[in-house]
Amino acid sequence: MAVNKVLKILIISMTLAACDPSALGGIIGTIPVAKPPLSNEDIIAGLKEALKVGAMQAVSFTSKENGFLNNTLIRIQFPEDAQKVKTWAMNNGLSGQVEKFEANLNKAAEKASAEAVPVFVNAITAMTVQDAYNILHGQQDAATRYLRKATGAELTQKFDPIVQKAIDGVKLTSYWEPIVTAYNTSTMFTGAQKVNTDLKGYVNQKAMDGLFFYVADEENKIRINPLARVNEILKKVFGSLD
């Protein structure tokens, strides 16, 4: 069917060209040119490169000084399940402690993010052809979903000691413990429930959220913006979807 259609177009164009030679070039220009098929090697190389670009950019954005703290998109706030502690602290002259606590939450996440590269590299290296094909033809954030699923458990495990070291290094608990201790002491009189927030788990999760926010952002750029395809393999693989 497609071959017959192209032949008909050529016959008509040749007939018109007999009357007006300039018509032939214009008509041939309208004939769609098929893009060369992608090999499995192209697909997996392109998807690995896309993930590599996204992962490296994410680490670069989040691990730099104040990468979390000064970024309203990923800045880590006071733990959600301890907002009542923040309110109590602000009302009892501890606003300075709260500010220092939040600043150090973000510094801990920045230090942890810097160590994500080898975990990402391992997951990207392990990608199969089927993984790559599914990602290429999947949802807009399919690559990000793959990377998070592939690295989630390992990233949590790897981040635990890193986050703990970061928490200790920025003396996070020195700001947290006085606030929580004072609040928990007050519950003897208020009857409120005491708070025991897992800072390591909280920072770990928020650090990963910030990382994958930027992985997804880079993936989206590569999918929709040809200018974000910074090398030939990205242009070839993602250009096939345009």
Protein backbone atom coordinates (compact mmCIF):
# COMPACT_ATOMS: atom_id res chain seq x y z
CA MET A 1 0.00 0.00 0.00
CA ALA A 2 2.76 2.46 1.02
CA VAL A 3 4.90 1.57 -2.03
CA ASN A 4 1.97 2.10 -4.43
CA LYS A 5 1.27 5.47 -2.84
CA VAL A 6 4.86 6.64 -3.31
CA LEU A 7 4.83 5.41 -6.96
CA LYS A 8 1.65 7.38 -7.64
CA ILE A 9 3.20 10.51 -6.17
CA LEU A 10 6.28 10.09 -8.37
CA ILE A 11 4.18 9.53 -11.52
CA ILE A 12 2.11 12.63 -10.81
CA SER A 13 5.21 14.68 -10.02
CA MET A 14 6.91 13.60 -13.26
CA THR A 15 3.81 14.55 -15.25
CA LEU A 16 3.75 17.98 -13.62
CA ALA A 17 7.45 18.39 -14.16
CA ALA A 18 6.91 18.01 -17.91
CA CYS A 19 4.89 21.21 -17.78
CA ASP A 20 6.91 22.95 -15.05
CA PRO A 21 10.33 21.49 -14.19
CA SER A 22 10.48 23.56 -11.00
CA ALA A 23 7.45 21.65 -9.66
CA LEU A 24 9.34 18.37 -9.35
CA GLY A 25 11.74 19.57 -6.65
CA GLY A 26 8.93 21.00 -4.54
CA ILE A 27 6.83 17.85 -4.72
CA ILE A 28 9.70 15.46 -4.00
CA GLY A 29 10.50 17.59 -0.99
CA THR A 30 7.11 16.70 0.46
CA ILE A 31 7.68 12.95 0.25
CA PRO A 32 8.40 11.67 3.80
CA VAL A 33 11.85 10.18 4.21
CA ALA A 34 11.98 7.18 6.50
CA LYS A 35 14.39 7.43 9.44
CA PRO A 36 17.00 4.71 9.60
CA PRO A 37 15.99 1.92 12.01
CA LEU A 38 17.59 1.83 15.44
CA SER A 39 19.65 -1.18 16.40
CA ASN A 40 19.50 -2.69 19.86
CA GLU A 41 23.00 -1.32 20.41
CA ASP A 42 21.79 2.19 19.52
CA ILE A 43 18.84 1.98 21.88
CA ILE A 44 20.75 0.76 24.90
CA ALA A 45 23.65 3.16 24.26
CA GLY A 46 21.23 6.08 23.95
CA LEU A 47 19.29 5.25 27.09
CA LYS A 48 22.44 4.65 29.12
CA GLU A 49 23.76 7.99 27.95
CA ALA A 50 20.49 9.74 28.82
CA LEU A 51 20.56 8.28 32.33
CA LYS A 52 24.22 9.13 32.69
CA VAL A 53 23.58 12.76 31.73
CA GLY A 54 20.57 12.99 34.03
CA ALA A 55 22.30 11.33 36.97
CA MET A 56 25.49 13.39 36.72
CA GLN A 57 23.53 16.62 36.41
CA ALA A 58 21.39 15.66 39.40
CA VAL A 59 24.44 14.98 41.55
CA SER A 60 26.06 18.20 40.36
CA PHE A 61 23.02 20.30 41.25
CA THR A 62 22.32 18.74 44.63
CA SER A 63 25.80 18.15 46.04
CA LYS A 64 27.17 21.66 45.52
CA GLU A 65 27.29 24.09 48.43
CA ASN A 66 23.73 25.16 49.30
CA GLY A 67 22.43 22.92 46.53
CA PHE A 68 19.50 21.97 48.73
CA LEU A 69 19.39 24.89 51.16
CA ASN A 70 19.01 27.68 48.59
CA ASN A 71 16.83 25.72 46.18
CA THR A 72 13.13 26.18 46.88
CA LEU A 73 12.31 23.19 44.68
CA ILE A 74 14.10 20.64 46.87
CA ARG A 75 14.93 22.46 50.12
CA ILE A 76 14.38 20.20 53.12
CA GLN A 77 12.00 21.63 55.66
CA PHE A 78 11.46 20.75 59.31
CA PRO A 79 10.24 17.12 59.50
CA GLU A 80 6.54 16.99 58.63
CA ASP A 81 5.69 14.71 61.53
CA ALA A 82 7.43 17.12 63.93
CA GLN A 83 5.82 20.38 62.85
CA LYS A 84 4.27 20.68 66.31
CA VAL A 85 7.81 20.69 67.73
CA LYS A 86 8.78 23.51 65.36
CA THR A 87 5.73 25.53 66.35
CA TRP A 88 6.47 24.97 70.04
CA ALA A 89 10.14 25.92 69.56
CA MET A 90 9.31 29.10 67.63
CA ASN A 91 6.88 30.12 70.37
CA ASN A 92 9.44 29.49 73.09
CA GLY A 93 12.40 31.50 71.89
CA LEU A 94 14.17 28.76 69.94
CA SER A 95 13.70 30.14 66.42
CA GLY A 96 17.48 30.40 65.99
CA GLN A 97 17.87 26.73 66.80
CA VAL A 98 15.14 25.85 64.31
CA GLU A 99 16.85 27.81 61.52
CA LYS A 100 20.22 26.20 62.23
CA PHE A 101 18.58 22.80 62.35
CA GLU A 102 16.95 23.23 58.94
CA ALA A 103 20.17 24.58 57.43
CA ASN A 104 22.08 21.54 58.66
CA LEU A 105 19.41 19.14 57.41
CA ASN A 106 20.14 20.46 53.93
CA LYS A 107 23.92 20.35 54.38
CA ALA A 108 23.65 16.69 55.36
CA ALA A 109 21.64 15.96 52.20
CA GLU A 110 24.21 17.80 50.08
CA LYS A 111 27.04 15.67 51.47
CA ALA A 112 25.09 12.46 50.97
CA SER A 113 24.17 13.33 47.37
CA ALA A 114 27.81 13.63 46.41
CA GLU A 115 28.23 9.90 47.05
CA ALA A 116 25.44 8.75 44.74
CA VAL A 117 27.52 8.51 41.56
CA PRO A 118 28.83 4.92 41.90
CA VAL A 119 25.36 3.63 42.78
CA PHE A 120 23.90 5.26 39.68
CA VAL A 121 26.75 4.00 37.48
CA ASN A 122 26.19 0.41 38.63
CA ALA A 123 22.48 0.58 37.78
CA ILE A 124 23.09 2.19 34.40
CA THR A 125 25.73 -0.39 33.51
CA ALA A 126 23.34 -3.23 34.37
CA MET A 127 20.61 -1.99 32.01
CA THR A 128 19.40 -4.59 29.51
CA VAL A 129 18.19 -4.09 25.95
CA GLN A 130 14.63 -4.79 27.09
CA ASP A 131 14.95 -2.20 29.85
CA ALA A 132 16.17 0.34 27.32
CA TYR A 133 13.39 -0.41 24.82
CA ASN A 134 10.72 -0.12 27.53
CA ILE A 135 12.16 3.19 28.71
CA LEU A 136 12.44 4.66 25.21
CA HIS A 137 8.79 3.93 24.44
CA GLY A 138 7.53 4.40 27.99
CA GLN A 139 6.18 7.34 29.94
CA GLN A 140 7.86 10.74 30.01
CA ASP A 141 9.72 9.80 33.22
CA ALA A 142 10.30 6.13 32.41
CA ALA A 143 14.09 6.42 32.69
CA THR A 144 13.82 8.12 36.07
CA ARG A 145 11.42 5.44 37.30
CA TYR A 146 13.82 2.74 36.15
CA LEU A 147 16.77 4.35 37.89
CA ARG A 148 14.89 4.89 41.14
CA LYS A 149 13.60 1.32 41.18
CA ALA A 150 17.02 -0.06 40.30
CA THR A 151 18.90 2.00 42.88
CA GLY A 152 16.36 2.57 45.67
CA ALA A 153 17.41 -0.22 48.02
CA GLU A 154 21.14 0.16 47.37
CA LEU A 155 20.97 3.92 47.59
CA THR A 156 19.23 3.72 50.95
CA GLN A 157 21.82 1.28 52.23
CA LYS A 158 24.73 3.32 50.90
CA PHE A 159 23.29 6.60 52.12
CA ASP A 160 22.74 5.42 55.70
CA PRO A 161 26.36 5.68 56.89
CA ILE A 162 26.97 8.70 54.66
CA VAL A 163 23.98 10.54 56.06
CA GLN A 164 24.91 9.55 59.60
CA LYS A 165 28.43 10.84 59.06
CA ALA A 166 27.06 14.03 57.52
CA ILE A 167 24.64 14.49 60.43
CA ASP A 168 27.52 14.09 62.86
CA GLY A 169 29.81 16.30 60.78
CA VAL A 170 27.42 19.25 60.71
CA LYS A 171 26.42 18.60 64.31
CA LEU A 172 22.79 18.31 63.31
CA THR A 173 21.74 16.54 66.47
CA SER A 174 23.23 19.32 68.59
CA TYR A 175 20.44 21.54 67.29
CA TRP A 176 17.77 18.88 67.13
CA GLU A 177 18.16 17.21 70.50
CA PRO A 178 17.75 20.35 72.66
CA ILE A 179 14.56 21.26 70.82
CA VAL A 180 13.09 17.76 71.05
CA THR A 181 14.23 17.28 74.65
CA ALA A 182 12.62 20.56 75.70
CA TYR A 183 9.44 19.69 73.80
CA ASN A 184 9.23 16.17 75.20
CA THR A 185 9.75 17.54 78.71
CA SER A 186 6.84 19.88 78.19
CA THR A 187 4.56 16.95 77.31
CA MET A 188 4.61 15.99 80.98
CA PHE A 189 2.47 19.06 81.56
CA THR A 190 0.59 19.33 78.25
CA GLY A 191 -0.27 15.66 77.81
CA ALA A 192 0.91 15.78 74.18
CA GLN A 193 2.63 12.79 72.60
CA LYS A 194 6.42 12.75 72.62
CA VAL A 195 8.33 12.96 69.33
CA ASN A 196 11.09 10.60 68.21
CA THR A 197 11.87 11.51 64.59
CA ASP A 198 14.43 9.38 62.74
CA LEU A 199 16.70 12.08 61.35
CA LYS A 200 18.87 9.68 59.35
CA GLY A 201 15.87 8.16 57.58
CA TYR A 202 14.34 11.58 57.00
CA VAL A 203 17.47 13.11 55.44
CA ASN A 204 18.09 9.94 53.43
CA GLN A 205 14.64 10.05 51.86
CA LYS A 206 14.73 13.77 51.16
CA ALA A 207 18.19 13.53 49.63
CA MET A 208 16.92 10.87 47.21
CA ASP A 209 13.81 12.92 46.44
CA GLY A 210 16.00 15.88 45.50
CA LEU A 211 18.30 13.76 43.35
CA PHE A 212 15.50 12.16 41.39
CA PHE A 213 13.72 15.46 40.95
CA TYR A 214 16.65 16.53 38.79
CA VAL A 215 17.06 13.17 37.06
CA ALA A 216 13.44 13.53 35.94
CA ASP A 217 13.99 17.13 34.90
CA GLU A 218 16.95 16.19 32.70
CA GLU A 219 15.09 13.24 31.19
CA ASN A 220 12.19 15.50 30.27
CA LYS A 221 14.53 17.97 28.58
CA ILE A 222 16.19 15.24 26.52
CA ARG A 223 12.84 13.84 25.42
CA ILE A 224 11.24 17.10 24.33
CA ASN A 225 14.10 19.47 23.50
CA PRO A 226 16.53 18.57 20.68
CA LEU A 227 19.01 21.12 22.05
CA ALA A 228 19.32 19.06 25.25
CA ARG A 229 20.58 16.07 23.27
CA VAL A 230 24.21 16.88 23.79
CA ASN A 231 25.78 14.18 21.62
CA GLU A 232 25.09 12.14 18.49
CA ILE A 233 23.71 9.03 20.17
CA LEU A 234 21.12 11.06 22.10
CA LYS A 235 20.15 12.87 18.91
CA LYS A 236 19.81 9.60 17.01
CA VAL A 237 17.83 7.65 19.63
CA PHE A 238 15.52 10.35 20.94
CA GLY A 239 15.25 12.01 17.54
CA SER A 240 13.60 8.78 16.37
CA LEU A 241 10.63 9.69 18.61
CA ASP A 242 10.11 13.17 17.13
